[in-house]
Amino acid sequence: MCTGIKMDYDDGCVLGRTMDYEVPLNYNVLYLPRNYNFCNDLMGNPLYSKYKMLGVCFNNKDPLKDGVNEHGLVGITNAFSGFNLYDSEVREGKLNISSLDYFTYALGNYRSVEELVEDLPNIHMATKNYKGESVIAPDFHFMFADSSKRCVIIEPENKKLICYENPYNVMTNSPGFKSHIRRLKKLLDPDRLEDFNSVKNLPGGFDPTSRFIKAFYLTKMHVKPNNYREALAYSYNILSAMALPNGFIRNKKFNYNTYTRYICLYDSKHKLLTVRTDTNPMVYELSFEDIKEEDKRQAFFLETDFVTEKLNQ
């Protein structure tokens, strides 16, 4: 139930998401250094990072859910349900990896979207390792961008990874990207948004298709930011409009509520992480320059209590 958007400014972009989750969840910020063994591939070989990373994880465990690396490659993961998404076997001559670890691998090993796309044919996701043992393989798709403002979506389809150029700068959940675009164009003309009566006809639901259309319209029609600070501010406003309050969606499967746990945004030019919780309006930021011991894995925990600041007297 997550929504991701990208907003451009003159010489960069910001990309971020709402993290909507259906069960109790602890999350925190992670810094991962260069040459860090963040996982093993499905052949049992250790994988190491070439580049430093900042991102948000669950339960202080290494797989990042969203993040930025030291070269300004930014990205997010989103839930993406489907049939026959991943292979059940490893494949010789490929980098065999779990969908759980691919995102961290991408941030840790590519400088740009171009590098990531060029290497995509060498990546093979599977649900079992070389011994035939099942591994954690969540149904994910991914959105990436960098300072060139190029944005792509990587989706699993029939045991392969497909790359879509994403000029719409939005990602939600299933159905697939092409289906979202078809439904978007049925409702409005992306090249003539001024003619669309958004007050009356913009979808009001929070299903993935409605969120895709709303997020696209709000991002596309928003006043253009002059710099990265304005881009962050505007994007937080848009993502706040897409957020799910606690109790709004009752999840009968888990006997719990699906709601937005955090909103985060990353800046590609300044390699900056920003994040805020659902219960605390304060936006926290962290850059690579803030890291004191750059060769050490470090965890940072967010203040979740409601925080305010007094006006200057």
Protein backbone atom coordinates (compact mmCIF):
# COMPACT_ATOMS: atom_id res chain seq x y z
CA MET A 1 0.00 0.00 0.00
CA CYS A 2 2.96 2.37 -0.52
CA THR A 3 3.12 5.38 -2.83
CA GLY A 4 6.34 6.69 -4.37
CA ILE A 5 6.94 9.96 -6.24
CA LYS A 6 9.82 11.87 -7.82
CA MET A 7 10.00 15.65 -8.16
CA ASP A 8 12.62 17.44 -10.27
CA TYR A 9 14.35 20.73 -9.67
CA ASP A 10 16.93 22.51 -11.84
CA ASP A 11 19.98 20.30 -11.24
CA GLY A 12 18.61 17.29 -9.40
CA CYS A 13 15.57 15.51 -8.05
CA VAL A 14 14.07 14.16 -4.87
CA LEU A 15 12.44 10.75 -4.64
CA GLY A 16 10.52 9.27 -1.75
CA ARG A 17 7.61 7.28 -0.51
CA THR A 18 5.00 6.54 2.09
CA MET A 19 5.68 3.30 3.94
CA ASP A 20 2.25 1.76 4.47
CA TYR A 21 2.33 -1.50 6.43
CA GLU A 22 -0.24 -3.95 7.74
CA VAL A 23 1.39 -5.43 10.87
CA PRO A 24 3.32 -4.01 13.88
CA LEU A 25 6.63 -2.66 12.65
CA ASN A 26 9.88 -1.28 14.03
CA TYR A 27 12.06 0.67 11.62
CA ASN A 28 15.21 2.77 11.77
CA VAL A 29 17.80 4.53 9.62
CA LEU A 30 20.97 2.69 8.58
CA TYR A 31 24.35 3.78 7.30
CA LEU A 32 26.19 1.01 5.44
CA PRO A 33 29.87 1.58 4.56
CA ARG A 34 31.91 0.60 1.52
CA ASN A 35 33.17 -2.99 1.38
CA TYR A 36 30.36 -4.12 3.67
CA ASN A 37 29.07 -7.71 3.46
CA PHE A 38 25.34 -7.01 3.46
CA CYS A 39 24.26 -10.51 2.35
CA ASN A 40 25.24 -13.67 0.49
CA ASP A 41 24.01 -14.42 -3.00
CA LEU A 42 21.95 -17.55 -3.66
CA MET A 43 25.12 -19.48 -4.52
CA GLY A 44 26.44 -18.86 -1.01
CA ASN A 45 28.97 -16.20 -2.04
CA PRO A 46 29.32 -13.04 0.09
CA LEU A 47 28.23 -9.80 -1.57
CA TYR A 48 30.01 -6.55 -0.68
CA SER A 49 29.12 -2.92 -1.28
CA LYS A 50 31.28 -0.70 -3.48
CA TYR A 51 29.55 2.46 -2.29
CA LYS A 52 28.27 3.97 0.94
CA MET A 53 24.51 3.92 1.55
CA LEU A 54 21.90 5.62 3.71
CA GLY A 55 18.39 4.25 4.04
CA VAL A 56 15.56 2.95 6.18
CA CYS A 57 15.33 -0.69 7.27
CA PHE A 58 13.05 -2.89 9.38
CA ASN A 59 14.13 -4.07 12.83
CA ASN A 60 17.71 -2.84 12.38
CA LYS A 61 18.39 -5.51 9.74
CA ASP A 62 20.48 -4.83 6.66
CA PRO A 63 18.03 -5.07 3.74
CA LEU A 64 17.13 -1.46 2.95
CA LYS A 65 13.58 -0.59 1.90
CA ASP A 66 14.54 2.79 0.42
CA GLY A 67 17.75 4.80 0.29
CA VAL A 68 20.48 6.79 -1.43
CA ASN A 69 24.12 6.03 -2.14
CA GLU A 70 27.18 8.28 -2.18
CA HIS A 71 26.81 8.94 -5.93
CA GLY A 72 23.19 10.07 -5.70
CA LEU A 73 21.42 6.94 -6.91
CA VAL A 74 18.12 6.89 -5.02
CA GLY A 75 15.35 4.34 -4.92
CA ILE A 76 12.46 2.64 -3.17
CA THR A 77 10.90 -0.82 -2.91
CA ASN A 78 7.15 -1.42 -3.10
CA ALA A 79 4.95 -4.47 -2.63
CA PHE A 80 3.97 -5.96 -6.00
CA SER A 81 1.82 -9.06 -6.03
CA GLY A 82 1.58 -11.31 -9.05
CA PHE A 83 1.82 -14.82 -10.41
CA ASN A 84 5.03 -16.59 -11.42
CA LEU A 85 7.16 -13.53 -10.68
CA TYR A 86 10.41 -15.27 -9.73
CA ASP A 87 12.17 -18.43 -10.81
CA SER A 88 12.37 -21.30 -8.32
CA GLU A 89 15.90 -22.18 -9.39
CA VAL A 90 19.23 -20.39 -9.63
CA ARG A 91 20.76 -19.85 -13.06
CA GLU A 92 24.36 -20.36 -14.07
CA GLY A 93 26.23 -17.31 -15.36
CA LYS A 94 23.98 -14.84 -13.52
CA LEU A 95 24.15 -13.02 -10.22
CA ASN A 96 21.54 -15.01 -8.30
CA ILE A 97 19.96 -12.94 -5.56
CA SER A 98 16.81 -12.73 -3.45
CA SER A 99 14.32 -9.95 -4.09
CA LEU A 100 14.84 -9.06 -0.41
CA ASP A 101 18.48 -8.13 -1.05
CA TYR A 102 18.43 -6.78 -4.60
CA PHE A 103 17.66 -3.20 -3.62
CA THR A 104 20.62 -3.02 -1.23
CA TYR A 105 22.79 -4.63 -3.89
CA ALA A 106 21.73 -1.98 -6.41
CA LEU A 107 22.52 0.98 -4.16
CA GLY A 108 25.76 -0.64 -3.07
CA ASN A 109 27.06 -1.40 -6.56
CA TYR A 110 25.74 1.10 -9.13
CA ARG A 111 26.63 4.75 -9.52
CA SER A 112 23.67 5.64 -11.73
CA VAL A 113 20.42 4.47 -13.28
CA GLU A 114 22.32 3.89 -16.52
CA GLU A 115 24.70 1.41 -14.84
CA LEU A 116 21.80 -0.36 -13.13
CA VAL A 117 19.84 -0.78 -16.37
CA GLU A 118 22.89 -1.98 -18.30
CA ASP A 119 23.55 -4.70 -15.71
CA LEU A 120 19.93 -5.84 -15.39
CA PRO A 121 20.33 -8.80 -17.83
CA ASN A 122 22.96 -10.22 -15.46
CA ILE A 123 20.58 -10.29 -12.46
CA HIS A 124 18.50 -13.37 -11.66
CA MET A 125 16.01 -13.44 -8.78
CA ALA A 126 14.93 -16.79 -7.36
CA THR A 127 12.93 -18.14 -4.45
CA LYS A 128 15.42 -20.93 -3.66
CA ASN A 129 19.18 -21.08 -3.30
CA TYR A 130 21.58 -23.46 -5.04
CA LYS A 131 20.77 -26.16 -2.47
CA GLY A 132 17.06 -25.96 -3.30
CA GLU A 133 16.29 -24.32 0.04
CA SER A 134 13.59 -21.66 0.13
CA VAL A 135 14.72 -18.10 0.85
CA ILE A 136 12.81 -14.97 1.83
CA ALA A 137 11.65 -13.53 -1.49
CA PRO A 138 8.99 -10.83 -1.07
CA ASP A 139 7.02 -9.72 -4.11
CA PHE A 140 8.69 -6.39 -4.87
CA HIS A 141 9.09 -3.94 -7.67
CA PHE A 142 11.50 -1.01 -7.55
CA MET A 143 11.79 2.64 -8.60
CA PHE A 144 15.20 4.30 -9.10
CA ALA A 145 16.38 7.77 -10.11
CA ASP A 146 19.58 9.83 -10.05
CA SER A 147 20.77 13.41 -10.60
CA SER A 148 20.27 13.05 -14.36
CA LYS A 149 16.53 12.90 -13.42
CA ARG A 150 16.12 9.63 -15.29
CA CYS A 151 13.57 7.47 -13.52
CA VAL A 152 12.91 3.77 -14.09
CA ILE A 153 10.74 1.03 -12.65
CA ILE A 154 12.06 -2.52 -12.39
CA GLU A 155 9.31 -5.15 -12.31
CA PRO A 156 9.47 -8.96 -12.16
CA GLU A 157 7.45 -10.61 -14.88
CA ASN A 158 7.45 -14.28 -15.91
CA LYS A 159 10.71 -14.93 -14.04
CA LYS A 160 12.47 -11.99 -15.69
CA LEU A 161 13.19 -8.40 -14.64
CA ILE A 162 11.67 -5.79 -16.93
CA CYS A 163 12.77 -2.14 -17.00
CA TYR A 164 10.28 0.63 -17.78
CA GLU A 165 11.24 4.23 -18.32
CA ASN A 166 9.06 6.24 -15.96
CA PRO A 167 8.36 9.80 -17.13
CA TYR A 168 5.28 9.75 -14.88
CA ASN A 169 7.54 9.80 -11.78
CA VAL A 170 5.13 7.68 -9.71
CA MET A 171 4.93 4.12 -8.42
CA THR A 172 2.29 2.41 -6.28
CA ASN A 173 1.49 -1.33 -6.18
CA SER A 174 -0.07 -3.95 -8.46
CA PRO A 175 -1.19 -4.04 -11.24
CA GLY A 176 1.87 -3.64 -13.45
CA PHE A 177 3.22 -0.32 -14.67
CA LYS A 178 1.72 -0.62 -18.17
CA SER A 179 -1.73 -1.26 -16.69
CA HIS A 180 -1.44 1.84 -14.51
CA ILE A 181 -0.62 3.96 -17.56
CA ARG A 182 -3.55 2.57 -19.55
CA ARG A 183 -5.96 3.36 -16.72
CA LEU A 184 -4.43 6.81 -16.23
CA LYS A 185 -4.96 7.67 -19.90
CA LYS A 186 -8.56 6.46 -19.78
CA LEU A 187 -9.30 9.07 -17.13
CA LEU A 188 -7.25 12.03 -18.33
CA ASP A 189 -4.90 13.22 -21.06
CA PRO A 190 -1.41 13.55 -19.51
CA ASP A 191 -0.55 16.21 -22.10
CA ARG A 192 -3.65 18.32 -21.38
CA LEU A 193 -3.98 18.25 -17.62
CA GLU A 194 -5.30 21.81 -17.56
CA ASP A 195 -8.52 20.50 -19.12
CA PHE A 196 -9.10 17.93 -16.36
CA ASN A 197 -11.57 18.79 -13.61
CA SER A 198 -9.51 17.51 -10.70
CA VAL A 199 -11.82 18.81 -7.98
CA LYS A 200 -14.68 16.75 -9.35
CA ASN A 201 -13.10 13.78 -11.14
CA LEU A 202 -9.84 12.92 -9.41
CA PRO A 203 -10.20 9.43 -7.81
CA GLY A 204 -10.85 9.50 -4.09
CA GLY A 205 -9.94 5.91 -3.27
CA PHE A 206 -6.70 4.55 -1.84
CA ASP A 207 -6.40 1.47 -4.02
CA PRO A 208 -3.15 1.35 -6.03
CA THR A 209 -4.70 2.58 -9.28
CA SER A 210 -6.41 5.55 -7.63
CA ARG A 211 -3.24 6.45 -5.74
CA PHE A 212 -1.17 6.22 -8.92
CA ILE A 213 -3.47 8.68 -10.70
CA LYS A 214 -3.69 11.06 -7.73
CA ALA A 215 0.06 11.03 -7.10
CA PHE A 216 0.78 11.64 -10.79
CA TYR A 217 -1.67 14.52 -11.01
CA LEU A 218 -0.52 16.19 -7.78
CA THR A 219 3.15 15.86 -8.70
CA LYS A 220 2.74 16.97 -12.30
CA MET A 221 0.52 19.95 -11.53
CA HIS A 222 2.44 21.20 -8.49
CA VAL A 223 4.28 24.51 -8.65
CA LYS A 224 7.83 23.80 -9.80
CA PRO A 225 10.47 23.95 -7.05
CA ASN A 226 13.41 26.33 -7.40
CA ASN A 227 15.80 24.19 -5.35
CA TYR A 228 16.06 20.93 -3.44
CA ARG A 229 14.62 22.37 -0.22
CA GLU A 230 11.47 23.45 -2.01
CA ALA A 231 11.32 20.08 -3.77
CA LEU A 232 11.47 18.33 -0.39
CA ALA A 233 8.78 20.57 1.09
CA TYR A 234 6.43 20.16 -1.87
CA SER A 235 6.96 16.41 -1.99
CA TYR A 236 6.22 16.02 1.72
CA ASN A 237 2.95 17.86 1.14
CA ILE A 238 2.00 15.51 -1.70
CA LEU A 239 2.97 12.35 0.16
CA SER A 240 1.09 13.56 3.23
CA ALA A 241 -2.01 13.76 1.04
CA MET A 242 -1.42 10.11 0.07
CA ALA A 243 -0.81 8.87 3.64
CA LEU A 244 -3.14 6.44 5.40
CA PRO A 245 -4.24 7.32 8.98
CA ASN A 246 -4.11 4.58 11.60
CA GLY A 247 -7.55 2.92 11.66
CA PHE A 248 -8.58 4.05 8.18
CA ILE A 249 -8.03 0.59 6.67
CA ARG A 250 -8.85 -2.44 8.82
CA ASN A 251 -6.81 -5.44 7.71
CA LYS A 252 -8.88 -8.54 8.48
CA LYS A 253 -6.14 -10.92 7.34
CA PHE A 254 -3.75 -9.73 10.05
CA ASN A 255 -6.36 -8.41 12.51
CA TYR A 256 -4.56 -5.07 12.44
CA ASN A 257 -4.63 -1.70 10.70
CA THR A 258 -2.81 -0.83 7.50
CA TYR A 259 -1.46 2.69 7.80
CA THR A 260 1.50 4.93 6.94
CA ARG A 261 4.41 4.32 9.33
CA TYR A 262 6.83 6.85 7.87
CA ILE A 263 7.35 9.19 4.95
CA CYS A 264 10.85 9.59 3.54
CA LEU A 265 12.45 11.61 0.76
CA TYR A 266 15.97 11.44 -0.66
CA ASP A 267 17.82 14.13 -2.58
CA SER A 268 19.98 12.97 -5.50
CA LYS A 269 22.28 15.99 -5.76
CA HIS A 270 23.13 16.40 -2.08
CA LYS A 271 22.95 12.65 -1.29
CA LEU A 272 20.58 13.39 1.55
CA LEU A 273 18.16 11.24 3.56
CA THR A 274 15.11 12.86 5.15
CA VAL A 275 12.38 11.05 7.08
CA ARG A 276 9.49 11.65 9.45
CA THR A 277 7.29 9.28 11.44
CA ASP A 278 3.51 9.05 11.47
CA THR A 279 3.33 10.42 15.03
CA ASN A 280 6.05 13.08 14.91
CA PRO A 281 5.83 16.02 12.46
CA MET A 282 9.58 16.73 12.74
CA VAL A 283 11.56 15.91 9.59
CA TYR A 284 14.98 14.42 10.35
CA GLU A 285 17.85 14.52 7.88
CA LEU A 286 21.15 12.70 7.52
CA SER A 287 23.92 13.08 4.95
CA PHE A 288 27.16 11.22 4.37
CA GLU A 289 29.04 14.22 5.77
CA ASP A 290 27.29 13.61 9.10
CA ILE A 291 28.80 10.15 9.46
CA LYS A 292 31.81 10.22 11.80
CA GLU A 293 33.10 6.67 11.41
CA GLU A 294 32.58 5.98 7.72
CA ASP A 295 33.95 2.40 7.83
CA LYS A 296 31.43 1.28 10.45
CA ARG A 297 27.82 0.16 10.06
CA GLN A 298 25.66 2.56 12.08
CA ALA A 299 22.02 2.61 13.13
CA PHE A 300 19.98 5.74 13.92
CA PHE A 301 16.62 5.67 15.68
CA LEU A 302 13.82 8.19 15.23
CA GLU A 303 11.91 10.05 17.91
CA THR A 304 8.30 8.93 17.50
CA ASP A 305 6.71 11.10 20.22
CA PHE A 306 4.92 14.22 19.02
CA VAL A 307 7.45 17.08 18.92
CA THR A 308 6.93 20.83 18.61
CA GLU A 309 9.17 23.87 18.87
CA LYS A 310 8.23 27.13 20.53
CA LEU A 311 8.12 30.24 18.39
CA ASN A 312 10.97 32.66 18.98
CA GLN A 313 10.02 35.29 21.54
